[in-house]
Amino acid sequence: MSEIIEVNNLYKTYSSGIFVRSFTEAVKDVSFKLKKGSVVSLVGESGSGKTTIAKILLKLEKRTGGSIKLDGMEINEYGKKDYYRKVQVIFQDPYSAINYFYKIDRVLDKAFALRGEKLTEEEKEAKIREALEKVKIDPDEVLGRYPHQLSGGQLQRFLIARVLLIKPEIVICDEITSMIDASSRAGILNLLLELRDKEGLTVMFITHDLGQAQYISDEIMVLKDGDLVEAGDVQKVLINPQHEYTKFLLSCVPSLYAKWDLEEDIIEES
């Protein structure tokens, strides 16, 4: 697989203060590549720099240094419409990603503005229904409704359908399962894997959950305080971690075996 995104020596420094300036390095000399049609997880604790990197890739934050190329071209050379036709995002909170004063049909209809195609209303409706069916939503159940009438899981699937209408090359998923119930999470993860296989979608999956990262990813990148401390094949990194921070993250994952050992000790003491 060829690279779709190439990031080299990425830096992001924030400054604060008026009379006495202080500086915080949020991202420190980070380099990586994303392969077409792959799912890559970016993991780390809160404040590790995951979302900052996502915002820079989405051109919502300006980088302090480094280069970012999409399909071999520096991203600053892209026009706004051309860039967002290629790169899209699904945010953490589906409830705040949609205007509650409008029916959800409007969100999908607006997606056609990025496609650059002239379609009739009948053609638009057909494509909308096709996209909803791909994400396992019955169009007749959701079209014509307002956002508050859908569950969190339905809204996330709906936003994925919007991405399918735009047909980007890469989608950035920022903690997209953290605000939906556990029963819906597996469905969302499986849907992303299906879209990777059938649509050739490239996914950057941002999460603090190593279990989800292992389940969905081809590769994983581990961030600590803005540093990329370990990266590679997800199974190799998580089964045989080399960096102490990766080992620490794995040690924090709840274990049923640890729970059982604790209960056995209590029984023996009693």
C-alpha atoms as a PDB file:
ATOM      1  CA  MET A   1       0.000   0.000   0.000  1.00  0.00           C
ATOM      2  CA  SER A   2       1.250   3.494  -0.839  1.00  0.00           C
ATOM      3  CA  GLU A   3       1.264   6.407   1.590  1.00  0.00           C
ATOM      4  CA  ILE A   4      -1.605   8.883   1.588  1.00  0.00           C
ATOM      5  CA  ILE A   5      -0.330  11.094   4.439  1.00  0.00           C
ATOM      6  CA  GLU A   6       3.316  11.794   5.195  1.00  0.00           C
ATOM      7  CA  VAL A   7       4.191  13.808   8.293  1.00  0.00           C
ATOM      8  CA  ASN A   8       7.785  14.840   8.972  1.00  0.00           C
ATOM      9  CA  ASN A   9       9.235  16.553  12.068  1.00  0.00           C
ATOM     10  CA  LEU A  10       5.902  17.969  13.224  1.00  0.00           C
ATOM     11  CA  TYR A  11       6.056  20.502  16.062  1.00  0.00           C
ATOM     12  CA  LYS A  12       3.338  22.427  17.853  1.00  0.00           C
ATOM     13  CA  THR A  13       4.165  24.931  20.600  1.00  0.00           C
ATOM     14  CA  TYR A  14       1.597  26.993  22.490  1.00  0.00           C
ATOM     15  CA  SER A  15       2.504  30.253  24.197  1.00  0.00           C
ATOM     16  CA  SER A  16       0.709  32.046  27.024  1.00  0.00           C
ATOM     17  CA  GLY A  17       1.152  35.080  29.242  1.00  0.00           C
ATOM     18  CA  ILE A  18       1.401  38.795  28.507  1.00  0.00           C
ATOM     19  CA  PHE A  19       4.329  40.136  30.514  1.00  0.00           C
ATOM     20  CA  VAL A  20       6.043  36.806  31.112  1.00  0.00           C
ATOM     21  CA  ARG A  21       5.740  34.400  28.212  1.00  0.00           C
ATOM     22  CA  SER A  22       5.620  30.667  28.806  1.00  0.00           C
ATOM     23  CA  PHE A  23       5.702  27.941  26.183  1.00  0.00           C
ATOM     24  CA  THR A  24       4.234  24.452  26.065  1.00  0.00           C
ATOM     25  CA  GLU A  25       5.372  21.872  23.537  1.00  0.00           C
ATOM     26  CA  ALA A  26       2.247  19.913  22.629  1.00  0.00           C
ATOM     27  CA  VAL A  27       3.817  17.967  19.750  1.00  0.00           C
ATOM     28  CA  LYS A  28       7.556  17.309  19.555  1.00  0.00           C
ATOM     29  CA  ASP A  29       9.272  16.254  16.330  1.00  0.00           C
ATOM     30  CA  VAL A  30       6.637  13.682  15.322  1.00  0.00           C
ATOM     31  CA  SER A  31       6.987  11.829  12.002  1.00  0.00           C
ATOM     32  CA  PHE A  32       4.736   9.117  10.552  1.00  0.00           C
ATOM     33  CA  LYS A  33       3.047   7.863   7.388  1.00  0.00           C
ATOM     34  CA  LEU A  34      -0.492   6.640   6.810  1.00  0.00           C
ATOM     35  CA  LYS A  35      -0.968   3.957   4.183  1.00  0.00           C
ATOM     36  CA  LYS A  36      -3.972   3.974   1.891  1.00  0.00           C
ATOM     37  CA  GLY A  37      -6.740   1.674   3.023  1.00  0.00           C
ATOM     38  CA  SER A  38      -5.343   1.178   6.527  1.00  0.00           C
ATOM     39  CA  VAL A  39      -6.624   1.859  10.035  1.00  0.00           C
ATOM     40  CA  VAL A  40      -4.026   3.501  12.275  1.00  0.00           C
ATOM     41  CA  SER A  41      -4.704   4.186  15.951  1.00  0.00           C
ATOM     42  CA  LEU A  42      -3.194   7.110  17.809  1.00  0.00           C
ATOM     43  CA  VAL A  43      -3.200   6.290  21.533  1.00  0.00           C
ATOM     44  CA  GLY A  44      -2.068   7.920  24.743  1.00  0.00           C
ATOM     45  CA  GLU A  45      -3.326   9.560  27.903  1.00  0.00           C
ATOM     46  CA  SER A  46      -5.190  12.868  27.974  1.00  0.00           C
ATOM     47  CA  GLY A  47      -2.796  15.669  27.080  1.00  0.00           C
ATOM     48  CA  SER A  48      -0.478  13.412  25.082  1.00  0.00           C
ATOM     49  CA  GLY A  49      -1.014  15.369  21.863  1.00  0.00           C
ATOM     50  CA  LYS A  50      -3.475  13.109  20.030  1.00  0.00           C
ATOM     51  CA  THR A  51      -6.168  15.696  19.375  1.00  0.00           C
ATOM     52  CA  THR A  52      -3.596  18.392  18.616  1.00  0.00           C
ATOM     53  CA  ILE A  53      -2.191  16.270  15.801  1.00  0.00           C
ATOM     54  CA  ALA A  54      -5.724  15.641  14.527  1.00  0.00           C
ATOM     55  CA  LYS A  55      -6.514  19.366  14.520  1.00  0.00           C
ATOM     56  CA  ILE A  56      -3.304  20.104  12.622  1.00  0.00           C
ATOM     57  CA  LEU A  57      -4.142  17.446  10.024  1.00  0.00           C
ATOM     58  CA  LEU A  58      -7.607  19.007   9.722  1.00  0.00           C
ATOM     59  CA  LYS A  59      -6.047  22.482   9.324  1.00  0.00           C
ATOM     60  CA  LEU A  60      -7.892  23.673  12.441  1.00  0.00           C
ATOM     61  CA  GLU A  61      -4.568  24.426  14.142  1.00  0.00           C
ATOM     62  CA  LYS A  62      -1.418  25.886  12.624  1.00  0.00           C
ATOM     63  CA  ARG A  63       1.732  23.848  13.132  1.00  0.00           C
ATOM     64  CA  THR A  64       4.858  25.443  14.552  1.00  0.00           C
ATOM     65  CA  GLY A  65       7.166  23.403  12.338  1.00  0.00           C
ATOM     66  CA  GLY A  66       7.432  20.377  10.110  1.00  0.00           C
ATOM     67  CA  SER A  67       5.795  19.278   6.874  1.00  0.00           C
ATOM     68  CA  ILE A  68       2.560  17.437   6.059  1.00  0.00           C
ATOM     69  CA  LYS A  69       1.899  16.014   2.607  1.00  0.00           C
ATOM     70  CA  LEU A  70      -1.344  14.576   1.301  1.00  0.00           C
ATOM     71  CA  ASP A  71      -0.967  12.512  -1.853  1.00  0.00           C
ATOM     72  CA  GLY A  72       2.528  13.962  -2.214  1.00  0.00           C
ATOM     73  CA  MET A  73       1.472  17.633  -2.005  1.00  0.00           C
ATOM     74  CA  GLU A  74       1.950  19.967   0.968  1.00  0.00           C
ATOM     75  CA  ILE A  75      -1.470  20.445   2.572  1.00  0.00           C
ATOM     76  CA  ASN A  76      -1.150  24.238   2.631  1.00  0.00           C
ATOM     77  CA  GLU A  77      -1.147  24.173  -1.166  1.00  0.00           C
ATOM     78  CA  TYR A  78      -4.676  22.746  -1.240  1.00  0.00           C
ATOM     79  CA  GLY A  79      -7.691  24.997  -1.453  1.00  0.00           C
ATOM     80  CA  LYS A  80     -10.179  24.643   1.403  1.00  0.00           C
ATOM     81  CA  LYS A  81     -12.834  22.814  -0.626  1.00  0.00           C
ATOM     82  CA  ASP A  82     -10.349  20.501  -2.344  1.00  0.00           C
ATOM     83  CA  TYR A  83      -8.728  19.582   0.961  1.00  0.00           C
ATOM     84  CA  TYR A  84     -11.925  18.782   2.839  1.00  0.00           C
ATOM     85  CA  ARG A  85     -13.135  16.738  -0.093  1.00  0.00           C
ATOM     86  CA  LYS A  86     -10.136  14.484   0.655  1.00  0.00           C
ATOM     87  CA  VAL A  87      -9.957  14.716   4.468  1.00  0.00           C
ATOM     88  CA  GLN A  88     -12.960  14.466   6.775  1.00  0.00           C
ATOM     89  CA  VAL A  89     -13.544  14.018  10.506  1.00  0.00           C
ATOM     90  CA  ILE A  90     -16.018  12.327  12.830  1.00  0.00           C
ATOM     91  CA  PHE A  91     -16.036  14.079  16.186  1.00  0.00           C
ATOM     92  CA  GLN A  92     -16.275  12.622  19.669  1.00  0.00           C
ATOM     93  CA  ASP A  93     -19.705  13.992  20.554  1.00  0.00           C
ATOM     94  CA  PRO A  94     -22.330  13.241  17.887  1.00  0.00           C
ATOM     95  CA  TYR A  95     -24.878  15.402  19.699  1.00  0.00           C
ATOM     96  CA  SER A  96     -22.823  18.599  19.337  1.00  0.00           C
ATOM     97  CA  ALA A  97     -21.792  17.887  15.739  1.00  0.00           C
ATOM     98  CA  ILE A  98     -25.261  18.563  14.316  1.00  0.00           C
ATOM     99  CA  ASN A  99     -27.438  21.670  14.474  1.00  0.00           C
ATOM    100  CA  TYR A 100     -30.503  20.707  16.511  1.00  0.00           C
ATOM    101  CA  PHE A 101     -32.730  23.273  14.814  1.00  0.00           C
ATOM    102  CA  TYR A 102     -32.656  21.392  11.510  1.00  0.00           C
ATOM    103  CA  LYS A 103     -33.757  17.963  10.437  1.00  0.00           C
ATOM    104  CA  ILE A 104     -30.912  15.553   9.791  1.00  0.00           C
ATOM    105  CA  ASP A 105     -31.767  15.449   6.081  1.00  0.00           C
ATOM    106  CA  ARG A 106     -30.218  18.899   5.760  1.00  0.00           C
ATOM    107  CA  VAL A 107     -26.823  17.645   7.016  1.00  0.00           C
ATOM    108  CA  LEU A 108     -26.689  14.971   4.332  1.00  0.00           C
ATOM    109  CA  ASP A 109     -27.910  17.347   1.635  1.00  0.00           C
ATOM    110  CA  LYS A 110     -25.128  19.837   2.500  1.00  0.00           C
ATOM    111  CA  ALA A 111     -22.529  17.091   2.004  1.00  0.00           C
ATOM    112  CA  PHE A 112     -23.122  17.214  -1.744  1.00  0.00           C
ATOM    113  CA  ALA A 113     -21.593  20.706  -1.860  1.00  0.00           C
ATOM    114  CA  LEU A 114     -18.143  19.129  -1.425  1.00  0.00           C
ATOM    115  CA  ARG A 115     -18.650  16.503  -4.127  1.00  0.00           C
ATOM    116  CA  GLY A 116     -18.621  18.966  -6.991  1.00  0.00           C
ATOM    117  CA  GLU A 117     -21.371  17.098  -8.807  1.00  0.00           C
ATOM    118  CA  LYS A 118     -24.613  18.427 -10.225  1.00  0.00           C
ATOM    119  CA  LEU A 119     -27.312  16.023  -9.151  1.00  0.00           C
ATOM    120  CA  THR A 120     -31.066  16.081  -9.356  1.00  0.00           C
ATOM    121  CA  GLU A 121     -33.100  15.827  -6.171  1.00  0.00           C
ATOM    122  CA  GLU A 122     -33.999  12.252  -7.083  1.00  0.00           C
ATOM    123  CA  GLU A 123     -30.313  11.352  -7.543  1.00  0.00           C
ATOM    124  CA  LYS A 124     -29.437  12.950  -4.208  1.00  0.00           C
ATOM    125  CA  GLU A 125     -32.164  11.042  -2.407  1.00  0.00           C
ATOM    126  CA  ALA A 126     -31.003   7.776  -3.956  1.00  0.00           C
ATOM    127  CA  LYS A 127     -27.401   8.359  -2.847  1.00  0.00           C
ATOM    128  CA  ILE A 128     -28.519   9.385   0.653  1.00  0.00           C
ATOM    129  CA  ARG A 129     -30.534   6.205   1.034  1.00  0.00           C
ATOM    130  CA  GLU A 130     -27.644   4.123  -0.268  1.00  0.00           C
ATOM    131  CA  ALA A 131     -25.216   5.722   2.216  1.00  0.00           C
ATOM    132  CA  LEU A 132     -27.585   5.161   5.149  1.00  0.00           C
ATOM    133  CA  GLU A 133     -28.093   1.531   4.185  1.00  0.00           C
ATOM    134  CA  LYS A 134     -24.317   1.033   4.074  1.00  0.00           C
ATOM    135  CA  VAL A 135     -24.093   2.083   7.724  1.00  0.00           C
ATOM    136  CA  LYS A 136     -26.969  -0.228   8.671  1.00  0.00           C
ATOM    137  CA  ILE A 137     -29.631   2.472   9.074  1.00  0.00           C
ATOM    138  CA  ASP A 138     -33.119   2.190   7.614  1.00  0.00           C
ATOM    139  CA  PRO A 139     -33.642   5.511   5.757  1.00  0.00           C
ATOM    140  CA  ASP A 140     -37.373   5.450   6.458  1.00  0.00           C
ATOM    141  CA  GLU A 141     -36.670   5.368  10.214  1.00  0.00           C
ATOM    142  CA  VAL A 142     -34.442   8.462  10.358  1.00  0.00           C
ATOM    143  CA  LEU A 143     -35.112  10.769   7.403  1.00  0.00           C
ATOM    144  CA  GLY A 144     -37.362  13.645   8.367  1.00  0.00           C
ATOM    145  CA  ARG A 145     -36.362  13.460  12.024  1.00  0.00           C
ATOM    146  CA  TYR A 146     -34.486  15.878  14.268  1.00  0.00           C
ATOM    147  CA  PRO A 147     -31.158  14.914  15.934  1.00  0.00           C
ATOM    148  CA  HIS A 148     -32.699  14.542  19.403  1.00  0.00           C
ATOM    149  CA  GLN A 149     -34.969  11.817  18.036  1.00  0.00           C
ATOM    150  CA  LEU A 150     -31.983   9.547  17.289  1.00  0.00           C
ATOM    151  CA  SER A 151     -29.809   7.604  19.709  1.00  0.00           C
ATOM    152  CA  GLY A 152     -26.081   8.290  20.077  1.00  0.00           C
ATOM    153  CA  GLY A 153     -25.233   5.168  18.107  1.00  0.00           C
ATOM    154  CA  GLN A 154     -27.602   6.150  15.305  1.00  0.00           C
ATOM    155  CA  LEU A 155     -26.123   9.645  15.155  1.00  0.00           C
ATOM    156  CA  GLN A 156     -22.562   8.314  14.855  1.00  0.00           C
ATOM    157  CA  ARG A 157     -23.620   5.981  12.046  1.00  0.00           C
ATOM    158  CA  PHE A 158     -25.436   8.892  10.457  1.00  0.00           C
ATOM    159  CA  LEU A 159     -22.245  10.990  10.535  1.00  0.00           C
ATOM    160  CA  ILE A 160     -20.339   8.125   8.949  1.00  0.00           C
ATOM    161  CA  ALA A 161     -22.980   8.086   6.197  1.00  0.00           C
ATOM    162  CA  ARG A 162     -22.300  11.781   5.656  1.00  0.00           C
ATOM    163  CA  VAL A 163     -18.611  10.965   5.210  1.00  0.00           C
ATOM    164  CA  LEU A 164     -19.508   8.313   2.623  1.00  0.00           C
ATOM    165  CA  LEU A 165     -21.470  10.873   0.631  1.00  0.00           C
ATOM    166  CA  ILE A 166     -18.418  13.129   0.482  1.00  0.00           C
ATOM    167  CA  LYS A 167     -16.155  10.178  -0.448  1.00  0.00           C
ATOM    168  CA  PRO A 168     -12.935  11.410   1.222  1.00  0.00           C
ATOM    169  CA  GLU A 169      -9.649   9.557   1.045  1.00  0.00           C
ATOM    170  CA  ILE A 170      -9.083   9.716   4.794  1.00  0.00           C
ATOM    171  CA  VAL A 171     -11.320  10.131   7.825  1.00  0.00           C
ATOM    172  CA  ILE A 172     -10.096  11.126  11.281  1.00  0.00           C
ATOM    173  CA  CYS A 173     -12.136   9.546  14.092  1.00  0.00           C
ATOM    174  CA  ASP A 174     -11.608  11.379  17.384  1.00  0.00           C
ATOM    175  CA  GLU A 175     -12.751   9.178  20.295  1.00  0.00           C
ATOM    176  CA  ILE A 176     -15.943   8.419  18.378  1.00  0.00           C
ATOM    177  CA  THR A 177     -17.097   5.612  20.695  1.00  0.00           C
ATOM    178  CA  SER A 178     -16.554   7.351  24.033  1.00  0.00           C
ATOM    179  CA  MET A 179     -20.016   8.923  24.266  1.00  0.00           C
ATOM    180  CA  ILE A 180     -22.125   6.005  23.100  1.00  0.00           C
ATOM    181  CA  ASP A 181     -23.219   2.906  24.994  1.00  0.00           C
ATOM    182  CA  ALA A 182     -21.084  -0.233  25.028  1.00  0.00           C
ATOM    183  CA  SER A 183     -23.499  -2.226  22.871  1.00  0.00           C
ATOM    184  CA  SER A 184     -23.161   0.338  20.055  1.00  0.00           C
ATOM    185  CA  ARG A 185     -19.351   0.565  20.182  1.00  0.00           C
ATOM    186  CA  ALA A 186     -18.647  -2.813  18.611  1.00  0.00           C
ATOM    187  CA  GLY A 187     -21.066  -2.006  15.800  1.00  0.00           C
ATOM    188  CA  ILE A 188     -19.269   1.262  15.035  1.00  0.00           C
ATOM    189  CA  LEU A 189     -15.847  -0.436  15.045  1.00  0.00           C
ATOM    190  CA  ASN A 190     -17.050  -3.226  12.774  1.00  0.00           C
ATOM    191  CA  LEU A 191     -18.592  -0.659  10.450  1.00  0.00           C
ATOM    192  CA  LEU A 192     -15.276   1.187  10.102  1.00  0.00           C
ATOM    193  CA  LEU A 193     -13.515  -2.087   9.292  1.00  0.00           C
ATOM    194  CA  GLU A 194     -16.137  -2.901   6.688  1.00  0.00           C
ATOM    195  CA  LEU A 195     -15.743   0.517   5.072  1.00  0.00           C
ATOM    196  CA  ARG A 196     -11.980   0.085   4.989  1.00  0.00           C
ATOM    197  CA  ASP A 197     -12.366  -3.230   3.185  1.00  0.00           C
ATOM    198  CA  LYS A 198     -15.196  -2.283   0.813  1.00  0.00           C
ATOM    199  CA  GLU A 199     -14.628   1.447   0.238  1.00  0.00           C
ATOM    200  CA  GLY A 200     -10.837   1.595   0.616  1.00  0.00           C
ATOM    201  CA  LEU A 201     -11.202   4.220   3.351  1.00  0.00           C
ATOM    202  CA  THR A 202      -8.106   5.260   5.321  1.00  0.00           C
ATOM    203  CA  VAL A 203      -8.854   5.800   9.008  1.00  0.00           C
ATOM    204  CA  MET A 204      -6.924   7.574  11.756  1.00  0.00           C
ATOM    205  CA  PHE A 205      -8.550   6.282  14.926  1.00  0.00           C
ATOM    206  CA  ILE A 206      -7.813   8.399  18.007  1.00  0.00           C
ATOM    207  CA  THR A 207      -8.475   6.631  21.286  1.00  0.00           C
ATOM    208  CA  HIS A 208      -7.271   6.041  24.828  1.00  0.00           C
ATOM    209  CA  ASP A 209      -8.706   2.511  24.763  1.00  0.00           C
ATOM    210  CA  LEU A 210      -5.999  -0.032  23.898  1.00  0.00           C
ATOM    211  CA  GLY A 211      -8.594  -2.782  23.519  1.00  0.00           C
ATOM    212  CA  GLN A 212     -10.371  -0.888  20.752  1.00  0.00           C
ATOM    213  CA  ALA A 213      -7.041   0.019  19.158  1.00  0.00           C
ATOM    214  CA  GLN A 214      -5.984  -3.618  19.045  1.00  0.00           C
ATOM    215  CA  TYR A 215      -9.334  -4.716  17.632  1.00  0.00           C
ATOM    216  CA  ILE A 216      -9.611  -2.197  14.813  1.00  0.00           C
ATOM    217  CA  SER A 217      -6.077  -1.204  13.825  1.00  0.00           C
ATOM    218  CA  ASP A 218      -3.481  -2.351  11.345  1.00  0.00           C
ATOM    219  CA  GLU A 219      -0.879  -0.110  12.984  1.00  0.00           C
ATOM    220  CA  ILE A 220      -0.614   1.840  16.226  1.00  0.00           C
ATOM    221  CA  MET A 221       1.217   4.981  17.326  1.00  0.00           C
ATOM    222  CA  VAL A 222       1.805   5.655  21.027  1.00  0.00           C
ATOM    223  CA  LEU A 223       2.113   9.268  22.189  1.00  0.00           C
ATOM    224  CA  LYS A 224       3.460  10.539  25.503  1.00  0.00           C
ATOM    225  CA  ASP A 225       3.693  14.257  26.305  1.00  0.00           C
ATOM    226  CA  GLY A 226       3.840  15.106  22.609  1.00  0.00           C
ATOM    227  CA  ASP A 227       6.494  12.505  21.767  1.00  0.00           C
ATOM    228  CA  LEU A 228       5.861   9.537  19.484  1.00  0.00           C
ATOM    229  CA  VAL A 229       7.483   6.885  21.678  1.00  0.00           C
ATOM    230  CA  GLU A 230       6.529   3.712  19.808  1.00  0.00           C
ATOM    231  CA  ALA A 231       4.875   2.789  16.513  1.00  0.00           C
ATOM    232  CA  GLY A 232       4.373  -0.239  14.302  1.00  0.00           C
ATOM    233  CA  ASP A 233       2.171  -3.244  13.664  1.00  0.00           C
ATOM    234  CA  VAL A 234      -0.555  -3.220  16.313  1.00  0.00           C
ATOM    235  CA  GLN A 235      -0.102  -6.841  17.365  1.00  0.00           C
ATOM    236  CA  LYS A 236       3.676  -6.574  17.646  1.00  0.00           C
ATOM    237  CA  VAL A 237       3.536  -3.345  19.642  1.00  0.00           C
ATOM    238  CA  LEU A 238       0.862  -4.494  22.092  1.00  0.00           C
ATOM    239  CA  ILE A 239       2.053  -8.074  22.517  1.00  0.00           C
ATOM    240  CA  ASN A 240       5.747  -7.196  22.731  1.00  0.00           C
ATOM    241  CA  PRO A 241       6.008  -3.498  23.699  1.00  0.00           C
ATOM    242  CA  GLN A 242       9.496  -1.995  23.756  1.00  0.00           C
ATOM    243  CA  HIS A 243       8.904   1.355  25.438  1.00  0.00           C
ATOM    244  CA  GLU A 244       8.198   1.661  29.159  1.00  0.00           C
ATOM    245  CA  TYR A 245       5.267   3.976  28.563  1.00  0.00           C
ATOM    246  CA  THR A 246       3.549   1.428  26.303  1.00  0.00           C
ATOM    247  CA  LYS A 247       4.099  -1.181  28.998  1.00  0.00           C
ATOM    248  CA  PHE A 248       2.597   1.213  31.548  1.00  0.00           C
ATOM    249  CA  LEU A 249      -0.520   1.767  29.407  1.00  0.00           C
ATOM    250  CA  LEU A 250      -0.968  -1.984  29.026  1.00  0.00           C
ATOM    251  CA  SER A 251      -0.593  -2.479  32.779  1.00  0.00           C
ATOM    252  CA  CYS A 252      -3.545  -0.107  33.310  1.00  0.00           C
ATOM    253  CA  VAL A 253      -5.910  -2.266  31.260  1.00  0.00           C
ATOM    254  CA  PRO A 254      -8.362  -4.022  33.634  1.00  0.00           C
ATOM    255  CA  SER A 255      -7.762  -7.748  33.937  1.00  0.00           C
ATOM    256  CA  LEU A 256     -10.293 -10.397  34.944  1.00  0.00           C
ATOM    257  CA  TYR A 257      -7.423 -12.593  36.070  1.00  0.00           C
ATOM    258  CA  ALA A 258      -6.294  -9.952  38.543  1.00  0.00           C
ATOM    259  CA  LYS A 259      -9.840  -9.776  39.871  1.00  0.00           C
ATOM    260  CA  TRP A 260     -10.033 -13.534  40.294  1.00  0.00           C
ATOM    261  CA  ASP A 261      -6.692 -13.651  42.111  1.00  0.00           C
ATOM    262  CA  LEU A 262      -7.937 -11.008  44.496  1.00  0.00           C
ATOM    263  CA  GLU A 263     -11.099 -12.960  45.246  1.00  0.00           C
ATOM    264  CA  GLU A 264      -9.136 -16.155  45.827  1.00  0.00           C
ATOM    265  CA  ASP A 265      -6.904 -14.357  48.326  1.00  0.00           C
ATOM    266  CA  ILE A 266      -9.951 -13.084  50.189  1.00  0.00           C
ATOM    267  CA  ILE A 267     -11.439 -16.584  50.334  1.00  0.00           C
ATOM    268  CA  GLU A 268      -8.182 -18.069  51.615  1.00  0.00           C
ATOM    269  CA  GLU A 269      -7.831 -15.401  54.318  1.00  0.00           C
ATOM    270  CA  SER A 270     -11.381 -15.948  55.508  1.00  0.00           C
END
